[in-house]
């Protein structure tokens, strides 16, 4: 379904090739501009979806999927070009792929898509703080942001299943599990 929110989400994918070129060349200013555009489009897609009442399952799934693609891309770029520690790279990539695949399986099997938790958004802000600190060559600050984002993302990985398990349990056993709707649960 085409709408402004989904177009902004797709724009984040379109911005990845130029971001790759700028990161690879260690071009700080254009890299920062593209990262800021990615953040702005991420914020605006949700705003426009709510404002124009175009929120839907496809948009939520697309937005979260693109978020994970961007995060995996950035983690790889930081590891390859800016010496993100290997263990941190693995943490970020495995976390994002886990969320992507589990979310896709829940959507396909149960027609359920969960929204983000505020703690996850805060962890994401620390993650982007880390990205900017690496790009700007503030390595001590980058490490601080890295540790905060890892701790917060770890807490989210524990809280998320605890919060949504009761909903999933009721959905699986609803009417014998045969008629599951396509409702997006707005948490």
N, C-alpha and C. Protein backbone atom coordinates (compact mmCIF):
# COMPACT_ATOMS: atom_id res chain seq x y z
N UNK A 1 0.85 -1.17 0.00
CA UNK A 1 0.00 0.00 0.00
C UNK A 1 0.89 1.24 0.00
N UNK A 2 0.69 2.11 -0.99
CA UNK A 2 1.52 3.31 -1.09
C UNK A 2 0.92 4.43 -0.26
N UNK A 3 1.73 5.03 0.58
CA UNK A 3 1.38 6.25 1.29
C UNK A 3 2.69 6.94 1.69
N UNK A 4 2.57 8.13 2.23
CA UNK A 4 3.75 8.92 2.58
C UNK A 4 4.62 8.18 3.60
N UNK A 5 3.99 7.58 4.60
CA UNK A 5 4.76 6.90 5.64
C UNK A 5 5.58 5.75 5.06
N UNK A 6 4.97 4.93 4.22
CA UNK A 6 5.70 3.81 3.62
C UNK A 6 6.78 4.30 2.67
N UNK A 7 6.53 5.39 1.96
CA UNK A 7 7.55 5.96 1.07
C UNK A 7 8.77 6.42 1.88
N UNK A 8 8.53 7.04 3.04
CA UNK A 8 9.63 7.47 3.90
C UNK A 8 10.41 6.27 4.43
N UNK A 9 9.70 5.19 4.74
CA UNK A 9 10.37 3.97 5.20
C UNK A 9 11.27 3.42 4.10
N UNK A 10 10.77 3.34 2.88
CA UNK A 10 11.54 2.82 1.76
C UNK A 10 12.73 3.73 1.44
N UNK A 11 12.55 5.04 1.66
CA UNK A 11 13.66 5.98 1.43
C UNK A 11 14.88 5.62 2.27
N UNK A 12 14.66 5.06 3.46
CA UNK A 12 15.80 4.66 4.30
C UNK A 12 16.65 3.61 3.60
N UNK A 13 16.03 2.71 2.88
CA UNK A 13 16.78 1.68 2.13
C UNK A 13 17.54 2.34 0.97
N UNK A 14 16.90 3.29 0.31
CA UNK A 14 17.53 3.98 -0.82
C UNK A 14 18.76 4.77 -0.35
N UNK A 15 18.75 5.22 0.89
CA UNK A 15 19.87 5.99 1.43
C UNK A 15 21.09 5.13 1.80
N UNK A 16 20.93 3.80 1.84
CA UNK A 16 22.05 2.95 2.26
C UNK A 16 23.22 2.93 1.28
N UNK A 17 23.02 2.83 -0.05
CA UNK A 17 24.19 2.85 -0.94
C UNK A 17 25.04 4.12 -0.83
N UNK A 18 24.43 5.34 -0.85
CA UNK A 18 25.30 6.50 -0.65
C UNK A 18 25.95 6.52 0.74
N UNK A 19 25.24 6.01 1.75
CA UNK A 19 25.83 5.95 3.08
C UNK A 19 27.06 5.04 3.07
N UNK A 20 26.98 3.94 2.38
CA UNK A 20 28.11 3.02 2.25
C UNK A 20 29.32 3.75 1.64
N UNK A 21 29.08 4.48 0.57
CA UNK A 21 30.17 5.21 -0.11
C UNK A 21 30.81 6.23 0.82
N UNK A 22 29.97 6.97 1.55
CA UNK A 22 30.50 8.01 2.45
C UNK A 22 31.24 7.40 3.64
N UNK A 23 30.69 6.33 4.21
CA UNK A 23 31.36 5.68 5.34
C UNK A 23 32.69 5.08 4.89
N UNK A 24 32.67 4.40 3.76
CA UNK A 24 33.88 3.76 3.25
C UNK A 24 35.00 4.79 3.03
N UNK A 25 34.62 5.97 2.54
CA UNK A 25 35.60 7.02 2.30
C UNK A 25 35.91 7.88 3.52
N UNK A 26 35.29 7.54 4.66
CA UNK A 26 35.47 8.31 5.90
C UNK A 26 35.14 9.79 5.69
N UNK A 27 34.08 10.05 4.93
CA UNK A 27 33.60 11.41 4.69
C UNK A 27 32.61 11.76 5.81
N UNK A 28 33.08 12.48 6.79
CA UNK A 28 32.31 12.71 8.01
C UNK A 28 31.03 13.51 7.75
N UNK A 29 31.13 14.62 7.05
CA UNK A 29 29.95 15.48 6.88
C UNK A 29 28.85 14.80 6.07
N UNK A 30 29.14 14.26 4.86
CA UNK A 30 28.04 13.61 4.13
C UNK A 30 27.50 12.38 4.85
N UNK A 31 28.37 11.65 5.55
CA UNK A 31 27.89 10.51 6.33
C UNK A 31 26.91 10.98 7.39
N UNK A 32 27.26 12.04 8.09
CA UNK A 32 26.38 12.58 9.13
C UNK A 32 25.06 13.06 8.56
N UNK A 33 25.10 13.70 7.41
CA UNK A 33 23.86 14.19 6.77
C UNK A 33 22.94 13.01 6.44
N UNK A 34 23.50 11.96 5.84
CA UNK A 34 22.67 10.81 5.47
C UNK A 34 22.13 10.12 6.73
N UNK A 35 22.95 9.99 7.76
CA UNK A 35 22.46 9.39 9.02
C UNK A 35 21.33 10.22 9.61
N UNK A 36 21.45 11.52 9.57
CA UNK A 36 20.39 12.40 10.08
C UNK A 36 19.12 12.21 9.24
N UNK A 37 19.26 12.10 7.93
CA UNK A 37 18.10 11.85 7.07
C UNK A 37 17.43 10.52 7.40
N UNK A 38 18.23 9.50 7.69
CA UNK A 38 17.68 8.20 8.07
C UNK A 38 16.89 8.32 9.37
N UNK A 39 17.43 9.03 10.34
CA UNK A 39 16.73 9.22 11.62
C UNK A 39 15.45 10.01 11.41
N UNK A 40 15.52 11.09 10.64
CA UNK A 40 14.34 11.93 10.40
C UNK A 40 13.25 11.14 9.69
N UNK A 41 13.62 10.36 8.66
CA UNK A 41 12.59 9.58 7.95
C UNK A 41 11.99 8.51 8.86
N UNK A 42 12.79 7.98 9.79
CA UNK A 42 12.25 7.00 10.74
C UNK A 42 11.23 7.64 11.67
N UNK A 43 11.51 8.84 12.13
CA UNK A 43 10.57 9.55 13.01
C UNK A 43 9.33 9.98 12.23
N UNK A 44 9.55 10.52 11.03
CA UNK A 44 8.43 11.05 10.26
C UNK A 44 7.48 9.99 9.72
N UNK A 45 7.99 8.79 9.43
CA UNK A 45 7.07 7.78 8.88
C UNK A 45 5.97 7.44 9.89
N UNK A 46 6.34 7.30 11.16
CA UNK A 46 5.33 7.05 12.19
C UNK A 46 4.41 8.23 12.39
N UNK A 47 4.98 9.43 12.36
CA UNK A 47 4.17 10.64 12.52
C UNK A 47 3.12 10.74 11.41
N UNK A 48 3.54 10.57 10.17
CA UNK A 48 2.60 10.68 9.05
C UNK A 48 1.58 9.55 9.05
N UNK A 49 1.99 8.36 9.45
CA UNK A 49 1.04 7.25 9.52
C UNK A 49 -0.07 7.56 10.52
N UNK A 50 0.29 8.14 11.67
CA UNK A 50 -0.72 8.50 12.67
C UNK A 50 -1.55 9.70 12.21
N UNK A 51 -0.88 10.70 11.67
CA UNK A 51 -1.58 11.93 11.29
C UNK A 51 -2.61 11.68 10.18
N UNK A 52 -2.26 10.88 9.20
CA UNK A 52 -3.15 10.64 8.07
C UNK A 52 -3.91 9.32 8.19
N UNK A 53 -3.86 8.72 9.37
CA UNK A 53 -4.59 7.47 9.65
C UNK A 53 -4.31 6.40 8.61
N UNK A 54 -3.02 6.23 8.30
CA UNK A 54 -2.62 5.20 7.34
C UNK A 54 -1.81 4.10 8.03
N UNK A 55 -1.96 4.01 9.35
CA UNK A 55 -1.27 2.95 10.08
C UNK A 55 -1.86 1.62 9.64
N UNK A 56 -1.01 0.68 9.43
CA UNK A 56 -1.49 -0.64 9.05
C UNK A 56 -0.44 -1.69 9.29
N UNK A 57 -0.84 -2.91 9.09
CA UNK A 57 0.05 -4.03 9.33
C UNK A 57 1.27 -3.94 8.43
N UNK A 58 1.05 -3.69 7.15
CA UNK A 58 2.16 -3.63 6.19
C UNK A 58 3.16 -2.54 6.59
N UNK A 59 2.66 -1.38 6.93
CA UNK A 59 3.55 -0.29 7.32
C UNK A 59 4.36 -0.60 8.56
N UNK A 60 3.72 -1.20 9.56
CA UNK A 60 4.44 -1.57 10.79
C UNK A 60 5.52 -2.60 10.51
N UNK A 61 5.15 -3.63 9.75
CA UNK A 61 6.11 -4.69 9.43
C UNK A 61 7.25 -4.12 8.58
N UNK A 62 6.90 -3.30 7.59
CA UNK A 62 7.92 -2.68 6.72
C UNK A 62 8.86 -1.80 7.54
N UNK A 63 8.29 -0.97 8.41
CA UNK A 63 9.10 -0.06 9.22
C UNK A 63 10.08 -0.83 10.11
N UNK A 64 9.59 -1.83 10.82
CA UNK A 64 10.47 -2.60 11.71
C UNK A 64 11.50 -3.39 10.92
N UNK A 65 11.10 -3.94 9.77
CA UNK A 65 12.05 -4.68 8.93
C UNK A 65 13.16 -3.79 8.42
N UNK A 66 12.79 -2.61 7.95
CA UNK A 66 13.80 -1.66 7.44
C UNK A 66 14.70 -1.19 8.59
N UNK A 67 14.11 -0.96 9.76
CA UNK A 67 14.94 -0.58 10.93
C UNK A 67 16.03 -1.62 11.18
N UNK A 68 15.66 -2.88 11.12
CA UNK A 68 16.63 -3.95 11.37
C UNK A 68 17.68 -4.02 10.26
N UNK A 69 17.26 -3.84 9.02
CA UNK A 69 18.21 -3.84 7.89
C UNK A 69 19.22 -2.71 8.06
N UNK A 70 18.73 -1.53 8.40
CA UNK A 70 19.61 -0.37 8.61
C UNK A 70 20.57 -0.64 9.78
N UNK A 71 20.06 -1.21 10.86
CA UNK A 71 20.93 -1.48 12.03
C UNK A 71 22.01 -2.50 11.70
N UNK A 72 21.65 -3.58 11.00
CA UNK A 72 22.65 -4.58 10.63
C UNK A 72 23.69 -3.95 9.70
N UNK A 73 23.23 -3.15 8.75
CA UNK A 73 24.12 -2.46 7.82
C UNK A 73 25.10 -1.57 8.60
N UNK A 74 24.58 -0.76 9.52
CA UNK A 74 25.43 0.15 10.29
C UNK A 74 26.42 -0.61 11.17
N UNK A 75 25.96 -1.70 11.78
CA UNK A 75 26.86 -2.50 12.61
C UNK A 75 28.01 -3.05 11.77
N UNK A 76 27.68 -3.54 10.59
CA UNK A 76 28.72 -4.05 9.70
C UNK A 76 29.69 -2.94 9.31
N UNK A 77 29.17 -1.78 8.95
CA UNK A 77 30.03 -0.66 8.56
C UNK A 77 30.94 -0.24 9.71
N UNK A 78 30.39 -0.18 10.93
CA UNK A 78 31.22 0.21 12.08
C UNK A 78 32.29 -0.83 12.37
N UNK A 79 31.95 -2.09 12.24
CA UNK A 79 32.93 -3.15 12.46
C UNK A 79 34.03 -3.08 11.40
N UNK A 80 33.63 -2.98 10.15
CA UNK A 80 34.58 -3.09 9.05
C UNK A 80 35.45 -1.84 8.90
N UNK A 81 34.85 -0.66 9.06
CA UNK A 81 35.58 0.58 8.79
C UNK A 81 35.98 1.37 10.04
N UNK A 82 35.36 1.08 11.19
CA UNK A 82 35.63 1.90 12.38
C UNK A 82 36.00 1.09 13.62
N UNK A 83 36.32 -0.18 13.44
CA UNK A 83 36.82 -1.03 14.52
C UNK A 83 35.85 -1.23 15.68
N UNK A 84 34.57 -1.34 15.38
CA UNK A 84 33.63 -1.79 16.40
C UNK A 84 34.10 -3.17 16.87
N UNK A 85 34.19 -3.42 18.17
CA UNK A 85 34.66 -4.73 18.63
C UNK A 85 33.81 -5.87 18.04
N UNK A 86 34.48 -6.95 17.73
CA UNK A 86 33.80 -8.09 17.10
C UNK A 86 32.64 -8.59 17.95
N UNK A 87 32.85 -8.70 19.26
CA UNK A 87 31.78 -9.20 20.13
C UNK A 87 30.57 -8.28 20.11
N UNK A 88 30.79 -6.95 20.02
CA UNK A 88 29.68 -5.99 19.95
C UNK A 88 28.97 -6.11 18.60
N UNK A 89 29.76 -6.27 17.55
CA UNK A 89 29.20 -6.49 16.22
C UNK A 89 28.27 -7.71 16.23
N UNK A 90 28.76 -8.82 16.78
CA UNK A 90 27.93 -10.03 16.87
C UNK A 90 26.67 -9.78 17.69
N UNK A 91 26.81 -9.08 18.80
CA UNK A 91 25.65 -8.80 19.64
C UNK A 91 24.59 -8.04 18.85
N UNK A 92 24.99 -6.94 18.20
CA UNK A 92 24.01 -6.12 17.48
C UNK A 92 23.38 -6.88 16.32
N UNK A 93 24.20 -7.59 15.56
CA UNK A 93 23.67 -8.30 14.39
C UNK A 93 22.77 -9.46 14.80
N UNK A 94 23.19 -10.26 15.76
CA UNK A 94 22.36 -11.39 16.19
C UNK A 94 21.05 -10.89 16.80
N UNK A 95 21.12 -9.83 17.58
CA UNK A 95 19.91 -9.25 18.17
C UNK A 95 18.94 -8.80 17.08
N UNK A 96 19.45 -8.05 16.10
CA UNK A 96 18.58 -7.54 15.04
C UNK A 96 18.01 -8.66 14.18
N UNK A 97 18.84 -9.64 13.84
CA UNK A 97 18.35 -10.75 13.02
C UNK A 97 17.34 -11.60 13.79
N UNK A 98 17.58 -11.79 15.08
CA UNK A 98 16.63 -12.52 15.92
C UNK A 98 15.27 -11.82 15.92
N UNK A 99 15.28 -10.52 16.15
CA UNK A 99 14.03 -9.76 16.16
C UNK A 99 13.37 -9.80 14.79
N UNK A 100 14.15 -9.66 13.74
CA UNK A 100 13.60 -9.67 12.38
C UNK A 100 12.93 -11.00 12.07
N UNK A 101 13.63 -12.12 12.35
CA UNK A 101 13.09 -13.43 11.99
C UNK A 101 11.96 -13.87 12.91
N UNK A 102 12.06 -13.59 14.20
CA UNK A 102 10.97 -13.94 15.12
C UNK A 102 9.74 -13.10 14.79
N UNK A 103 9.95 -11.81 14.52
CA UNK A 103 8.83 -10.95 14.15
C UNK A 103 8.17 -11.40 12.85
N UNK A 104 8.97 -11.80 11.88
CA UNK A 104 8.42 -12.28 10.61
C UNK A 104 7.64 -13.58 10.82
N UNK A 105 8.17 -14.47 11.64
CA UNK A 105 7.48 -15.73 11.90
C UNK A 105 6.15 -15.49 12.61
N UNK A 106 6.13 -14.58 13.59
CA UNK A 106 4.88 -14.27 14.29
C UNK A 106 3.87 -13.66 13.34
N UNK A 107 4.35 -12.79 12.46
CA UNK A 107 3.43 -12.16 11.51
C UNK A 107 2.87 -13.19 10.54
N UNK A 108 3.72 -14.05 10.01
CA UNK A 108 3.28 -15.06 9.04
C UNK A 108 2.37 -16.09 9.70
N UNK A 109 2.76 -16.60 10.86
CA UNK A 109 2.01 -17.67 11.51
C UNK A 109 0.77 -17.17 12.25
N UNK A 110 0.89 -16.05 12.95
CA UNK A 110 -0.19 -15.58 13.82
C UNK A 110 -0.84 -14.28 13.38
N UNK A 111 -0.30 -13.68 12.33
CA UNK A 111 -0.81 -12.39 11.84
C UNK A 111 -0.79 -11.33 12.94
N UNK A 112 0.29 -11.34 13.71
CA UNK A 112 0.47 -10.39 14.81
C UNK A 112 1.75 -9.62 14.57
N UNK A 113 1.68 -8.31 14.74
CA UNK A 113 2.87 -7.46 14.67
C UNK A 113 2.87 -6.55 15.89
N UNK A 114 3.92 -6.61 16.66
CA UNK A 114 4.01 -5.80 17.87
C UNK A 114 4.75 -4.50 17.59
N UNK A 115 4.34 -3.47 18.30
CA UNK A 115 5.03 -2.19 18.21
C UNK A 115 6.26 -2.18 19.09
N UNK A 116 6.94 -1.05 19.09
CA UNK A 116 8.17 -0.91 19.86
C UNK A 116 7.86 -0.53 21.31
N UNK A 117 8.80 -0.84 22.18
CA UNK A 117 8.75 -0.38 23.56
C UNK A 117 9.57 0.91 23.66
N UNK A 118 9.20 1.78 24.59
CA UNK A 118 9.94 3.02 24.75
C UNK A 118 11.38 2.75 25.15
N UNK A 119 11.60 1.73 25.94
CA UNK A 119 12.97 1.39 26.32
C UNK A 119 13.79 1.01 25.09
N UNK A 120 13.16 0.35 24.13
CA UNK A 120 13.84 0.02 22.87
C UNK A 120 14.19 1.26 22.08
N UNK A 121 13.32 2.25 22.11
CA UNK A 121 13.60 3.51 21.41
C UNK A 121 14.77 4.25 22.07
N UNK A 122 14.82 4.20 23.40
CA UNK A 122 15.93 4.82 24.12
C UNK A 122 17.23 4.09 23.80
N UNK A 123 17.18 2.76 23.78
CA UNK A 123 18.37 1.98 23.42
C UNK A 123 18.81 2.31 22.00
N UNK A 124 17.84 2.48 21.09
CA UNK A 124 18.15 2.86 19.72
C UNK A 124 18.82 4.22 19.63
N UNK A 125 18.39 5.15 20.50
CA UNK A 125 19.02 6.48 20.53
C UNK A 125 20.49 6.35 20.97
N UNK A 126 20.75 5.50 21.96
CA UNK A 126 22.14 5.27 22.36
C UNK A 126 22.93 4.61 21.23
N UNK A 127 22.29 3.69 20.52
CA UNK A 127 22.95 3.04 19.39
C UNK A 127 23.36 4.08 18.34
N UNK A 128 22.43 4.97 17.98
CA UNK A 128 22.78 6.00 17.00
C UNK A 128 23.79 6.99 17.55
N UNK A 129 23.75 7.23 18.85
CA UNK A 129 24.80 8.04 19.47
C UNK A 129 26.16 7.39 19.29
N UNK A 130 26.20 6.06 19.44
CA UNK A 130 27.43 5.32 19.22
C UNK A 130 27.88 5.45 17.77
N UNK A 131 26.95 5.31 16.84
CA UNK A 131 27.29 5.42 15.41
C UNK A 131 27.91 6.78 15.13
N UNK A 132 27.26 7.84 15.59
CA UNK A 132 27.79 9.19 15.35
C UNK A 132 29.16 9.37 16.02
N UNK A 133 29.31 8.86 17.23
CA UNK A 133 30.60 9.01 17.92
C UNK A 133 31.71 8.29 17.16
N UNK A 134 31.44 7.11 16.62
CA UNK A 134 32.45 6.42 15.80
C UNK A 134 32.77 7.23 14.55
N UNK A 135 31.73 7.72 13.88
CA UNK A 135 31.93 8.48 12.63
C UNK A 135 32.75 9.74 12.91
N UNK A 136 32.48 10.39 14.04
CA UNK A 136 33.19 11.63 14.40
C UNK A 136 34.53 11.36 15.07
N UNK A 137 34.87 10.09 15.23
CA UNK A 137 36.14 9.67 15.82
C UNK A 137 36.27 10.05 17.29
N UNK A 138 35.16 10.02 18.00
CA UNK A 138 35.15 10.20 19.45
C UNK A 138 35.06 8.81 20.07
N UNK A 139 36.17 8.09 20.07
CA UNK A 139 36.14 6.67 20.40
C UNK A 139 35.76 6.40 21.85
N UNK A 140 36.19 7.21 22.78
CA UNK A 140 35.81 6.99 24.18
C UNK A 140 34.30 7.16 24.36
N UNK A 141 33.76 8.18 23.74
CA UNK A 141 32.30 8.39 23.81
C UNK A 141 31.58 7.27 23.09
N UNK A 142 32.12 6.82 21.97
CA UNK A 142 31.51 5.70 21.23
C UNK A 142 31.41 4.46 22.10
N UNK A 143 32.46 4.18 22.86
CA UNK A 143 32.45 3.00 23.74
C UNK A 143 31.39 3.13 24.83
N UNK A 144 31.26 4.32 25.39
CA UNK A 144 30.24 4.53 26.43
C UNK A 144 28.85 4.30 25.84
N UNK A 145 28.58 4.90 24.68
CA UNK A 145 27.29 4.69 24.03
C UNK A 145 27.08 3.23 23.66
N UNK A 146 28.15 2.56 23.24
CA UNK A 146 28.06 1.15 22.88
C UNK A 146 27.63 0.32 24.09
N UNK A 147 28.27 0.53 25.23
CA UNK A 147 27.93 -0.24 26.43
C UNK A 147 26.50 0.05 26.90
N UNK A 148 26.11 1.33 26.88
CA UNK A 148 24.74 1.67 27.27
C UNK A 148 23.72 1.01 26.34
N UNK A 149 23.98 1.07 25.04
CA UNK A 149 23.02 0.48 24.10
C UNK A 149 22.96 -1.04 24.28
N UNK A 150 24.09 -1.68 24.53
CA UNK A 150 24.09 -3.14 24.73
C UNK A 150 23.32 -3.50 25.99
N UNK A 151 23.54 -2.77 27.07
CA UNK A 151 22.80 -3.05 28.31
C UNK A 151 21.31 -2.84 28.10
N UNK A 152 20.94 -1.72 27.49
CA UNK A 152 19.52 -1.43 27.29
C UNK A 152 18.87 -2.42 26.31
N UNK A 153 19.56 -2.74 25.22
CA UNK A 153 19.02 -3.73 24.28
C UNK A 153 18.87 -5.09 24.96
N UNK A 154 19.79 -5.45 25.85
CA UNK A 154 19.69 -6.72 26.58
C UNK A 154 18.46 -6.74 27.49
N UNK A 155 18.22 -5.63 28.16
CA UNK A 155 17.03 -5.52 29.01
C UNK A 155 15.77 -5.65 28.15
N UNK A 156 15.76 -4.99 27.00
CA UNK A 156 14.60 -5.06 26.09
C UNK A 156 14.37 -6.50 25.63
N UNK A 157 15.45 -7.23 25.36
CA UNK A 157 15.31 -8.63 24.93
C UNK A 157 14.67 -9.49 26.02
N UNK A 158 14.79 -9.07 27.27
CA UNK A 158 14.14 -9.79 28.38
C UNK A 158 12.71 -9.29 28.58
N UNK A 159 12.52 -7.98 28.55
CA UNK A 159 11.22 -7.38 28.83
C UNK A 159 10.20 -7.67 27.71
N UNK A 160 10.65 -7.62 26.48
CA UNK A 160 9.74 -7.78 25.34
C UNK A 160 8.95 -9.09 25.42
N UNK A 161 9.61 -10.24 25.56
CA UNK A 161 8.82 -11.49 25.65
C UNK A 161 7.90 -11.52 26.89
N UNK A 162 8.37 -10.97 28.01
CA UNK A 162 7.54 -10.95 29.21
C UNK A 162 6.28 -10.13 28.99
N UNK A 163 6.42 -9.03 28.29
CA UNK A 163 5.27 -8.15 28.06
C UNK A 163 4.29 -8.75 27.05
N UNK A 164 4.82 -9.37 25.99
CA UNK A 164 3.96 -9.81 24.90
C UNK A 164 3.58 -11.29 24.94
N UNK A 165 4.20 -12.07 25.82
CA UNK A 165 3.85 -13.49 25.89
C UNK A 165 2.37 -13.72 26.21
N UNK A 166 1.79 -13.01 27.18
CA UNK A 166 0.37 -13.24 27.45
C UNK A 166 -0.52 -12.98 26.22
N UNK A 167 -0.17 -11.98 25.44
CA UNK A 167 -0.94 -11.68 24.24
C UNK A 167 -0.78 -12.81 23.23
N UNK A 168 0.44 -13.25 23.03
CA UNK A 168 0.69 -14.36 22.10
C UNK A 168 -0.02 -15.63 22.56
N UNK A 169 0.05 -15.90 23.84
CA UNK A 169 -0.60 -17.10 24.38
C UNK A 169 -2.09 -17.07 24.10
N UNK A 170 -2.73 -15.93 24.33
CA UNK A 170 -4.16 -15.83 24.07
C UNK A 170 -4.47 -15.94 22.58
N UNK A 171 -3.59 -15.43 21.73
CA UNK A 171 -3.80 -15.51 20.28
C UNK A 171 -3.67 -16.94 19.77
N UNK A 172 -2.70 -17.67 20.30
CA UNK A 172 -2.47 -19.04 19.85
C UNK A 172 -3.65 -19.92 20.21
N UNK A 173 -4.20 -19.73 21.42
CA UNK A 173 -5.29 -20.58 21.88
C UNK A 173 -6.67 -20.02 21.56
N UNK A 174 -6.73 -18.87 20.91
CA UNK A 174 -8.00 -18.26 20.53
C UNK A 174 -8.66 -19.12 19.46
N UNK A 175 -9.85 -19.60 19.74
CA UNK A 175 -10.63 -20.41 18.80
C UNK A 175 -9.81 -21.56 18.25
N UNK A 176 -9.08 -22.20 19.12
CA UNK A 176 -8.28 -23.34 18.68
C UNK A 176 -7.08 -22.95 17.85
N UNK A 177 -6.79 -21.68 17.77
CA UNK A 177 -5.64 -21.22 17.01
C UNK A 177 -5.89 -21.18 15.52
N UNK A 178 -7.13 -21.42 15.07
CA UNK A 178 -7.36 -21.49 13.63
C UNK A 178 -7.74 -20.17 13.00
N UNK A 179 -8.31 -19.26 13.76
CA UNK A 179 -8.73 -17.99 13.19
C UNK A 179 -8.00 -16.85 13.89
N UNK A 180 -6.88 -16.53 13.38
CA UNK A 180 -6.10 -15.44 13.97
C UNK A 180 -6.24 -14.24 13.06
N UNK A 181 -6.62 -13.11 13.64
CA UNK A 181 -6.81 -11.90 12.85
C UNK A 181 -5.52 -11.22 12.49
N UNK A 182 -5.61 -10.14 11.75
CA UNK A 182 -4.41 -9.42 11.31
C UNK A 182 -4.24 -8.11 12.06
N UNK A 183 -4.67 -8.09 13.31
CA UNK A 183 -4.61 -6.89 14.11
C UNK A 183 -3.16 -6.56 14.51
N UNK A 184 -2.82 -5.31 14.44
CA UNK A 184 -1.54 -4.86 14.96
C UNK A 184 -1.78 -4.39 16.37
N UNK A 185 -1.02 -4.92 17.29
CA UNK A 185 -1.20 -4.56 18.69
C UNK A 185 -0.34 -3.34 19.01
N UNK A 186 -0.97 -2.22 19.35
CA UNK A 186 -0.23 -0.96 19.54
C UNK A 186 0.34 -0.80 20.95
N UNK A 187 1.51 -1.32 21.19
CA UNK A 187 2.15 -1.18 22.51
C UNK A 187 3.24 -0.16 22.42
